[in-house]
Structures are given as C-alpha cells and as structure tokens.
Amino acid sequence: MSYPLVLISQLLQGGRGKAGLIKIVSSIDEAIIRERADVMAQGVVDAIKELNPNRPIVVCIRGTNEEEAVKIASLNLSGEQL
C-alpha cells in the first residue's frame, strides 16, 4: 500500500474533520534524496481515485518538480475542484 493511500485512509477514518490537508514538500540535498513532488502528487492522485473520499482533500505542493506535480494533479483530477 502506498504512503499517500495510507495517509488519506487515516484522514478519512478519523471522522472528526470536514476536510483533510496534505502538504508535500520535497527537495534534493547533498546528503539525502527525498521523493520528488511530482512522484508524490501522482501517489495522492492515485489514492484519491481509489478511495473516493467523501470530504475535500487539500494538497499543498512545494519542491522539486513542483510544476510537473501541479500538471499531474490538474490533468488527473479535472473533475474535482483544484
């Protein structure tokens, strides 16, 4: 199970909030290579499509390949509010 899928599942199981917030911050530094924003955005898109949440999921994307991440979200969630 992917990390975004687990994360969104846990957000939806809580039942208290009216929306979920996911903040994607990625970077590549000398010591650590972290996940790129576009890869994480695709994971979030896949999770939203699979789980079909009954409340809004707000995603903030910042970092490496940020522009591509926004394109992925825009193209794949065109029926959703962006």
PDB file of N, CA and C in Angstrom:
ATOM      1  N   MET A   1       0.861  -1.175   0.000  1.00  0.00           N
ATOM      2  CA  MET A   1       0.000   0.000   0.000  1.00  0.00           C
ATOM      3  C   MET A   1       0.907   1.237   0.000  1.00  0.00           C
ATOM      4  N   SER A   2       0.600   2.213  -0.852  1.00  0.00           N
ATOM      5  CA  SER A   2       1.437   3.401  -0.958  1.00  0.00           C
ATOM      6  C   SER A   2       1.233   4.334   0.235  1.00  0.00           C
ATOM      7  N   TYR A   3       2.240   5.138   0.489  1.00  0.00           N
ATOM      8  CA  TYR A   3       2.167   6.084   1.607  1.00  0.00           C
ATOM      9  C   TYR A   3       0.992   7.052   1.463  1.00  0.00           C
ATOM     10  N   PRO A   4       0.764   7.672   0.267  1.00  0.00           N
ATOM     11  CA  PRO A   4      -0.403   8.556   0.154  1.00  0.00           C
ATOM     12  C   PRO A   4      -1.726   7.834   0.410  1.00  0.00           C
ATOM     13  N   LEU A   5      -1.824   6.578  -0.015  1.00  0.00           N
ATOM     14  CA  LEU A   5      -3.049   5.817   0.203  1.00  0.00           C
ATOM     15  C   LEU A   5      -3.286   5.594   1.695  1.00  0.00           C
ATOM     16  N   VAL A   6      -2.241   5.234   2.416  1.00  0.00           N
ATOM     17  CA  VAL A   6      -2.348   5.041   3.866  1.00  0.00           C
ATOM     18  C   VAL A   6      -2.703   6.358   4.546  1.00  0.00           C
ATOM     19  N   LEU A   7      -2.037   7.428   4.149  1.00  0.00           N
ATOM     20  CA  LEU A   7      -2.270   8.741   4.747  1.00  0.00           C
ATOM     21  C   LEU A   7      -3.713   9.201   4.562  1.00  0.00           C
ATOM     22  N   ILE A   8      -4.220   9.122   3.350  1.00  0.00           N
ATOM     23  CA  ILE A   8      -5.588   9.562   3.084  1.00  0.00           C
ATOM     24  C   ILE A   8      -6.588   8.640   3.769  1.00  0.00           C
ATOM     25  N   SER A   9      -6.318   7.339   3.810  1.00  0.00           N
ATOM     26  CA  SER A   9      -7.185   6.402   4.528  1.00  0.00           C
ATOM     27  C   SER A   9      -7.304   6.803   5.994  1.00  0.00           C
ATOM     28  N   GLN A  10      -6.176   7.138   6.613  1.00  0.00           N
ATOM     29  CA  GLN A  10      -6.183   7.534   8.017  1.00  0.00           C
ATOM     30  C   GLN A  10      -6.930   8.856   8.216  1.00  0.00           C
ATOM     31  N   LEU A  11      -6.770   9.779   7.286  1.00  0.00           N
ATOM     32  CA  LEU A  11      -7.516  11.042   7.372  1.00  0.00           C
ATOM     33  C   LEU A  11      -9.021  10.798   7.358  1.00  0.00           C
ATOM     34  N   LEU A  12      -9.448   9.896   6.494  1.00  0.00           N
ATOM     35  CA  LEU A  12     -10.878   9.634   6.349  1.00  0.00           C
ATOM     36  C   LEU A  12     -11.445   8.833   7.522  1.00  0.00           C
ATOM     37  N   GLN A  13     -10.636   8.007   8.157  1.00  0.00           N
ATOM     38  CA  GLN A  13     -11.108   7.189   9.271  1.00  0.00           C
ATOM     39  C   GLN A  13     -11.325   8.006  10.538  1.00  0.00           C
ATOM     40  N   GLY A  14     -10.631   9.128  10.654  1.00  0.00           N
ATOM     41  CA  GLY A  14     -10.748   9.952  11.860  1.00  0.00           C
ATOM     42  C   GLY A  14     -12.167  10.421  12.103  1.00  0.00           C
ATOM     43  N   GLY A  15     -12.863  10.818  11.064  1.00  0.00           N
ATOM     44  CA  GLY A  15     -14.267  11.198  11.180  1.00  0.00           C
ATOM     45  C   GLY A  15     -14.552  12.543  11.814  1.00  0.00           C
ATOM     46  N   ARG A  16     -13.570  13.194  12.385  1.00  0.00           N
ATOM     47  CA  ARG A  16     -13.828  14.454  13.074  1.00  0.00           C
ATOM     48  C   ARG A  16     -13.812  15.663  12.144  1.00  0.00           C
ATOM     49  N   GLY A  17     -12.856  15.731  11.259  1.00  0.00           N
ATOM     50  CA  GLY A  17     -12.687  16.911  10.415  1.00  0.00           C
ATOM     51  C   GLY A  17     -13.615  16.929   9.221  1.00  0.00           C
ATOM     52  N   LYS A  18     -13.767  18.117   8.672  1.00  0.00           N
ATOM     53  CA  LYS A  18     -14.597  18.281   7.482  1.00  0.00           C
ATOM     54  C   LYS A  18     -13.764  18.232   6.208  1.00  0.00           C
ATOM     55  N   ALA A  19     -12.435  18.277   6.353  1.00  0.00           N
ATOM     56  CA  ALA A  19     -11.527  18.226   5.209  1.00  0.00           C
ATOM     57  C   ALA A  19     -10.189  17.672   5.673  1.00  0.00           C
ATOM     58  N   GLY A  20      -9.374  17.281   4.716  1.00  0.00           N
ATOM     59  CA  GLY A  20      -8.023  16.809   5.025  1.00  0.00           C
ATOM     60  C   GLY A  20      -7.005  17.693   4.345  1.00  0.00           C
ATOM     61  N   LEU A  21      -5.857  17.885   4.951  1.00  0.00           N
ATOM     62  CA  LEU A  21      -4.783  18.690   4.386  1.00  0.00           C
ATOM     63  C   LEU A  21      -3.540  17.833   4.247  1.00  0.00           C
ATOM     64  N   ILE A  22      -2.995  17.812   3.040  1.00  0.00           N
ATOM     65  CA  ILE A  22      -1.750  17.109   2.781  1.00  0.00           C
ATOM     66  C   ILE A  22      -0.762  18.145   2.261  1.00  0.00           C
ATOM     67  N   LYS A  23       0.395  18.228   2.904  1.00  0.00           N
ATOM     68  CA  LYS A  23       1.431  19.166   2.476  1.00  0.00           C
ATOM     69  C   LYS A  23       2.605  18.356   1.944  1.00  0.00           C
ATOM     70  N   ILE A  24       2.908  18.540   0.670  1.00  0.00           N
ATOM     71  CA  ILE A  24       4.013  17.844   0.033  1.00  0.00           C
ATOM     72  C   ILE A  24       5.161  18.832  -0.100  1.00  0.00           C
ATOM     73  N   VAL A  25       6.261  18.557   0.573  1.00  0.00           N
ATOM     74  CA  VAL A  25       7.463  19.372   0.473  1.00  0.00           C
ATOM     75  C   VAL A  25       8.596  18.429   0.126  1.00  0.00           C
ATOM     76  N   SER A  26       9.214  18.641  -1.010  1.00  0.00           N
ATOM     77  CA  SER A  26      10.287  17.742  -1.420  1.00  0.00           C
ATOM     78  C   SER A  26      11.534  18.547  -1.746  1.00  0.00           C
ATOM     79  N   SER A  27      12.665  17.883  -1.678  1.00  0.00           N
ATOM     80  CA  SER A  27      13.923  18.536  -2.030  1.00  0.00           C
ATOM     81  C   SER A  27      14.969  17.477  -2.321  1.00  0.00           C
ATOM     82  N   ILE A  28      16.003  17.898  -2.986  1.00  0.00           N
ATOM     83  CA  ILE A  28      17.154  17.046  -3.180  1.00  0.00           C
ATOM     84  C   ILE A  28      18.337  17.809  -2.604  1.00  0.00           C
ATOM     85  N   ASP A  29      18.869  17.319  -1.521  1.00  0.00           N
ATOM     86  CA  ASP A  29      20.062  17.948  -0.962  1.00  0.00           C
ATOM     87  C   ASP A  29      21.225  16.978  -1.071  1.00  0.00           C
ATOM     88  N   GLU A  30      22.391  17.413  -0.662  1.00  0.00           N
ATOM     89  CA  GLU A  30      23.599  16.617  -0.871  1.00  0.00           C
ATOM     90  C   GLU A  30      23.571  15.280  -0.139  1.00  0.00           C
ATOM     91  N   ALA A  31      23.052  15.254   1.056  1.00  0.00           N
ATOM     92  CA  ALA A  31      23.117  14.038   1.867  1.00  0.00           C
ATOM     93  C   ALA A  31      21.932  13.111   1.650  1.00  0.00           C
ATOM     94  N   ILE A  32      20.765  13.667   1.378  1.00  0.00           N
ATOM     95  CA  ILE A  32      19.542  12.874   1.321  1.00  0.00           C
ATOM     96  C   ILE A  32      18.786  13.194   0.033  1.00  0.00           C
ATOM     97  N   ILE A  33      18.363  12.181  -0.666  1.00  0.00           N
ATOM     98  CA  ILE A  33      17.488  12.393  -1.819  1.00  0.00           C
ATOM     99  C   ILE A  33      16.086  12.045  -1.360  1.00  0.00           C
ATOM    100  N   ARG A  34      15.237  13.031  -1.339  1.00  0.00           N
ATOM    101  CA  ARG A  34      13.852  12.829  -0.906  1.00  0.00           C
ATOM    102  C   ARG A  34      12.970  12.662  -2.140  1.00  0.00           C
ATOM    103  N   GLU A  35      11.790  12.174  -1.931  1.00  0.00           N
ATOM    104  CA  GLU A  35      10.831  11.945  -3.010  1.00  0.00           C
ATOM    105  C   GLU A  35      10.512  13.247  -3.728  1.00  0.00           C
ATOM    106  N   ARG A  36      10.428  13.184  -5.037  1.00  0.00           N
ATOM    107  CA  ARG A  36      10.104  14.365  -5.829  1.00  0.00           C
ATOM    108  C   ARG A  36       8.618  14.686  -5.691  1.00  0.00           C
ATOM    109  N   ALA A  37       8.291  15.955  -5.812  1.00  0.00           N
ATOM    110  CA  ALA A  37       6.902  16.400  -5.666  1.00  0.00           C
ATOM    111  C   ALA A  37       5.996  15.762  -6.721  1.00  0.00           C
ATOM    112  N   ASP A  38       6.492  15.590  -7.953  1.00  0.00           N
ATOM    113  CA  ASP A  38       5.663  15.006  -8.999  1.00  0.00           C
ATOM    114  C   ASP A  38       5.323  13.542  -8.703  1.00  0.00           C
ATOM    115  N   VAL A  39       6.264  12.815  -8.120  1.00  0.00           N
ATOM    116  CA  VAL A  39       6.016  11.412  -7.762  1.00  0.00           C
ATOM    117  C   VAL A  39       4.986  11.338  -6.634  1.00  0.00           C
ATOM    118  N   MET A  40       5.141  12.206  -5.638  1.00  0.00           N
ATOM    119  CA  MET A  40       4.185  12.240  -4.528  1.00  0.00           C
ATOM    120  C   MET A  40       2.800  12.672  -5.008  1.00  0.00           C
ATOM    121  N   ALA A  41       2.754  13.649  -5.916  1.00  0.00           N
ATOM    122  CA  ALA A  41       1.464  14.102  -6.447  1.00  0.00           C
ATOM    123  C   ALA A  41       0.744  12.959  -7.157  1.00  0.00           C
ATOM    124  N   GLN A  42       1.482  12.153  -7.928  1.00  0.00           N
ATOM    125  CA  GLN A  42       0.859  11.016  -8.605  1.00  0.00           C
ATOM    126  C   GLN A  42       0.312  10.017  -7.592  1.00  0.00           C
ATOM    127  N   GLY A  43       1.036   9.811  -6.504  1.00  0.00           N
ATOM    128  CA  GLY A  43       0.556   8.924  -5.449  1.00  0.00           C
ATOM    129  C   GLY A  43      -0.724   9.434  -4.802  1.00  0.00           C
ATOM    130  N   VAL A  44      -0.794  10.743  -4.578  1.00  0.00           N
ATOM    131  CA  VAL A  44      -2.004  11.348  -3.997  1.00  0.00           C
ATOM    132  C   VAL A  44      -3.169  11.214  -4.976  1.00  0.00           C
ATOM    133  N   VAL A  45      -2.921  11.476  -6.259  1.00  0.00           N
ATOM    134  CA  VAL A  45      -3.967  11.327  -7.281  1.00  0.00           C
ATOM    135  C   VAL A  45      -4.492   9.900  -7.301  1.00  0.00           C
ATOM    136  N   ASP A  46      -3.581   8.938  -7.301  1.00  0.00           N
ATOM    137  CA  ASP A  46      -3.990   7.522  -7.315  1.00  0.00           C
ATOM    138  C   ASP A  46      -4.810   7.162  -6.071  1.00  0.00           C
ATOM    139  N   ALA A  47      -4.385   7.666  -4.920  1.00  0.00           N
ATOM    140  CA  ALA A  47      -5.099   7.376  -3.669  1.00  0.00           C
ATOM    141  C   ALA A  47      -6.490   7.994  -3.674  1.00  0.00           C
ATOM    142  N   ILE A  48      -6.603   9.228  -4.143  1.00  0.00           N
ATOM    143  CA  ILE A  48      -7.913   9.891  -4.192  1.00  0.00           C
ATOM    144  C   ILE A  48      -8.849   9.141  -5.131  1.00  0.00           C
ATOM    145  N   LYS A  49      -8.328   8.712  -6.278  1.00  0.00           N
ATOM    146  CA  LYS A  49      -9.162   7.952  -7.222  1.00  0.00           C
ATOM    147  C   LYS A  49      -9.602   6.617  -6.625  1.00  0.00           C
ATOM    148  N   GLU A  50      -8.723   5.954  -5.893  1.00  0.00           N
ATOM    149  CA  GLU A  50      -9.049   4.649  -5.314  1.00  0.00           C
ATOM    150  C   GLU A  50     -10.016   4.767  -4.141  1.00  0.00           C
ATOM    151  N   LEU A  51      -9.800   5.758  -3.281  1.00  0.00           N
ATOM    152  CA  LEU A  51     -10.592   5.868  -2.050  1.00  0.00           C
ATOM    153  C   LEU A  51     -11.895   6.650  -2.230  1.00  0.00           C
ATOM    154  N   ASN A  52     -11.944   7.505  -3.247  1.00  0.00           N
ATOM    155  CA  ASN A  52     -13.136   8.318  -3.497  1.00  0.00           C
ATOM    156  C   ASN A  52     -13.642   8.969  -2.199  1.00  0.00           C
ATOM    157  N   PRO A  53     -12.838   9.876  -1.610  1.00  0.00           N
ATOM    158  CA  PRO A  53     -13.173  10.450  -0.302  1.00  0.00           C
ATOM    159  C   PRO A  53     -14.488  11.228  -0.316  1.00  0.00           C
ATOM    160  N   ASN A  54     -15.160  11.219   0.830  1.00  0.00           N
ATOM    161  CA  ASN A  54     -16.449  11.903   0.954  1.00  0.00           C
ATOM    162  C   ASN A  54     -16.301  13.314   1.525  1.00  0.00           C
ATOM    163  N   ARG A  55     -15.077  13.786   1.644  1.00  0.00           N
ATOM    164  CA  ARG A  55     -14.821  15.158   2.084  1.00  0.00           C
ATOM    165  C   ARG A  55     -13.624  15.697   1.305  1.00  0.00           C
ATOM    166  N   PRO A  56     -13.471  17.007   1.256  1.00  0.00           N
ATOM    167  CA  PRO A  56     -12.381  17.594   0.479  1.00  0.00           C
ATOM    168  C   PRO A  56     -10.999  17.216   1.020  1.00  0.00           C
ATOM    169  N   ILE A  57     -10.080  17.023   0.106  1.00  0.00           N
ATOM    170  CA  ILE A  57      -8.677  16.806   0.438  1.00  0.00           C
ATOM    171  C   ILE A  57      -7.913  17.972  -0.193  1.00  0.00           C
ATOM    172  N   VAL A  58      -7.264  18.759   0.611  1.00  0.00           N
ATOM    173  CA  VAL A  58      -6.498  19.907   0.135  1.00  0.00           C
ATOM    174  C   VAL A  58      -5.034  19.497   0.099  1.00  0.00           C
ATOM    175  N   VAL A  59      -4.378  19.747  -1.037  1.00  0.00           N
ATOM    176  CA  VAL A  59      -2.985  19.358  -1.193  1.00  0.00           C
ATOM    177  C   VAL A  59      -2.156  20.588  -1.521  1.00  0.00           C
ATOM    178  N   CYS A  60      -1.125  20.824  -0.718  1.00  0.00           N
ATOM    179  CA  CYS A  60      -0.161  21.896  -0.954  1.00  0.00           C
ATOM    180  C   CYS A  60       1.121  21.246  -1.457  1.00  0.00           C
ATOM    181  N   ILE A  61       1.596  21.663  -2.631  1.00  0.00           N
ATOM    182  CA  ILE A  61       2.763  21.039  -3.243  1.00  0.00           C
ATOM    183  C   ILE A  61       3.878  22.064  -3.383  1.00  0.00           C
ATOM    184  N   ARG A  62       5.043  21.751  -2.824  1.00  0.00           N
ATOM    185  CA  ARG A  62       6.217  22.599  -2.935  1.00  0.00           C
ATOM    186  C   ARG A  62       7.447  21.717  -3.108  1.00  0.00           C
ATOM    187  N   GLY A  63       8.361  22.128  -3.983  1.00  0.00           N
ATOM    188  CA  GLY A  63       9.631  21.428  -4.060  1.00  0.00           C
ATOM    189  C   GLY A  63      10.050  21.026  -5.449  1.00  0.00           C
ATOM    190  N   THR A  64      10.895  20.024  -5.507  1.00  0.00           N
ATOM    191  CA  THR A  64      11.481  19.554  -6.751  1.00  0.00           C
ATOM    192  C   THR A  64      10.390  19.054  -7.700  1.00  0.00           C
ATOM    193  N   ASN A  65      10.402  19.549  -8.922  1.00  0.00           N
ATOM    194  CA  ASN A  65       9.409  19.213  -9.955  1.00  0.00           C
ATOM    195  C   ASN A  65       7.999  19.664  -9.569  1.00  0.00           C
ATOM    196  N   GLU A  66       7.915  20.783  -8.880  1.00  0.00           N
ATOM    197  CA  GLU A  66       6.632  21.327  -8.421  1.00  0.00           C
ATOM    198  C   GLU A  66       5.676  21.596  -9.590  1.00  0.00           C
ATOM    199  N   GLU A  67       6.204  22.165 -10.672  1.00  0.00           N
ATOM    200  CA  GLU A  67       5.351  22.485 -11.826  1.00  0.00           C
ATOM    201  C   GLU A  67       4.748  21.222 -12.427  1.00  0.00           C
ATOM    202  N   GLU A  68       5.553  20.174 -12.532  1.00  0.00           N
ATOM    203  CA  GLU A  68       5.056  18.899 -13.051  1.00  0.00           C
ATOM    204  C   GLU A  68       4.015  18.298 -12.109  1.00  0.00           C
ATOM    205  N   ALA A  69       4.220  18.453 -10.813  1.00  0.00           N
ATOM    206  CA  ALA A  69       3.263  17.944  -9.827  1.00  0.00           C
ATOM    207  C   ALA A  69       1.903  18.620  -9.987  1.00  0.00           C
ATOM    208  N   VAL A  70       1.921  19.921 -10.210  1.00  0.00           N
ATOM    209  CA  VAL A  70       0.666  20.656 -10.400  1.00  0.00           C
ATOM    210  C   VAL A  70      -0.022  20.190 -11.683  1.00  0.00           C
ATOM    211  N   LYS A  71       0.751  19.958 -12.745  1.00  0.00           N
ATOM    212  CA  LYS A  71       0.177  19.452 -14.003  1.00  0.00           C
ATOM    213  C   LYS A  71      -0.473  18.085 -13.792  1.00  0.00           C
ATOM    214  N   ILE A  72       0.201  17.222 -13.069  1.00  0.00           N
ATOM    215  CA  ILE A  72      -0.333  15.877 -12.800  1.00  0.00           C
ATOM    216  C   ILE A  72      -1.665  15.977 -12.074  1.00  0.00           C
ATOM    217  N   ALA A  73      -1.711  16.801 -11.043  1.00  0.00           N
ATOM    218  CA  ALA A  73      -2.951  16.965 -10.290  1.00  0.00           C
ATOM    219  C   ALA A  73      -4.040  17.576 -11.159  1.00  0.00           C
ATOM    220  N   SER A  74      -3.696  18.588 -11.935  1.00  0.00           N
ATOM    221  CA  SER A  74      -4.687  19.277 -12.789  1.00  0.00           C
ATOM    222  C   SER A  74      -5.261  18.350 -13.850  1.00  0.00           C
ATOM    223  N   LEU A  75      -4.407  17.559 -14.486  1.00  0.00           N
ATOM    224  CA  LEU A  75      -4.866  16.684 -15.555  1.00  0.00           C
ATOM    225  C   LEU A  75      -5.651  15.480 -15.033  1.00  0.00           C
ATOM    226  N   ASN A  76      -5.251  14.957 -13.886  1.00  0.00           N
ATOM    227  CA  ASN A  76      -5.864  13.720 -13.384  1.00  0.00           C
ATOM    228  C   ASN A  76      -7.054  13.942 -12.479  1.00  0.00           C
ATOM    229  N   LEU A  77      -7.193  15.123 -11.959  1.00  0.00           N
ATOM    230  CA  LEU A  77      -8.327  15.406 -11.075  1.00  0.00           C
ATOM    231  C   LEU A  77      -9.191  16.497 -11.693  1.00  0.00           C
ATOM    232  N   SER A  78      -9.336  16.470 -13.004  1.00  0.00           N
ATOM    233  CA  SER A  78     -10.057  17.529 -13.695  1.00  0.00           C
ATOM    234  C   SER A  78     -11.519  17.632 -13.285  1.00  0.00           C
ATOM    235  N   GLY A  79     -12.107  16.531 -12.807  1.00  0.00           N
ATOM    236  CA  GLY A  79     -13.483  16.566 -12.351  1.00  0.00           C
ATOM    237  C   GLY A  79     -13.623  17.079 -10.933  1.00  0.00           C
ATOM    238  N   GLU A  80     -12.514  17.274 -10.271  1.00  0.00           N
ATOM    239  CA  GLU A  80     -12.503  17.743  -8.877  1.00  0.00           C
ATOM    240  C   GLU A  80     -12.198  19.221  -8.841  1.00  0.00           C
ATOM    241  N   GLN A  81     -12.469  19.846  -7.727  1.00  0.00           N
ATOM    242  CA  GLN A  81     -12.080  21.226  -7.546  1.00  0.00           C
ATOM    243  C   GLN A  81     -10.602  21.284  -7.255  1.00  0.00           C
ATOM    244  N   LEU A  82      -9.904  22.152  -7.974  1.00  0.00           N
ATOM    245  CA  LEU A  82      -8.463  22.309  -7.763  1.00  0.00           C
ATOM    246  C   LEU A  82      -8.185  23.671  -7.170  1.00  0.00           C
TER     247      LEU A  82
END
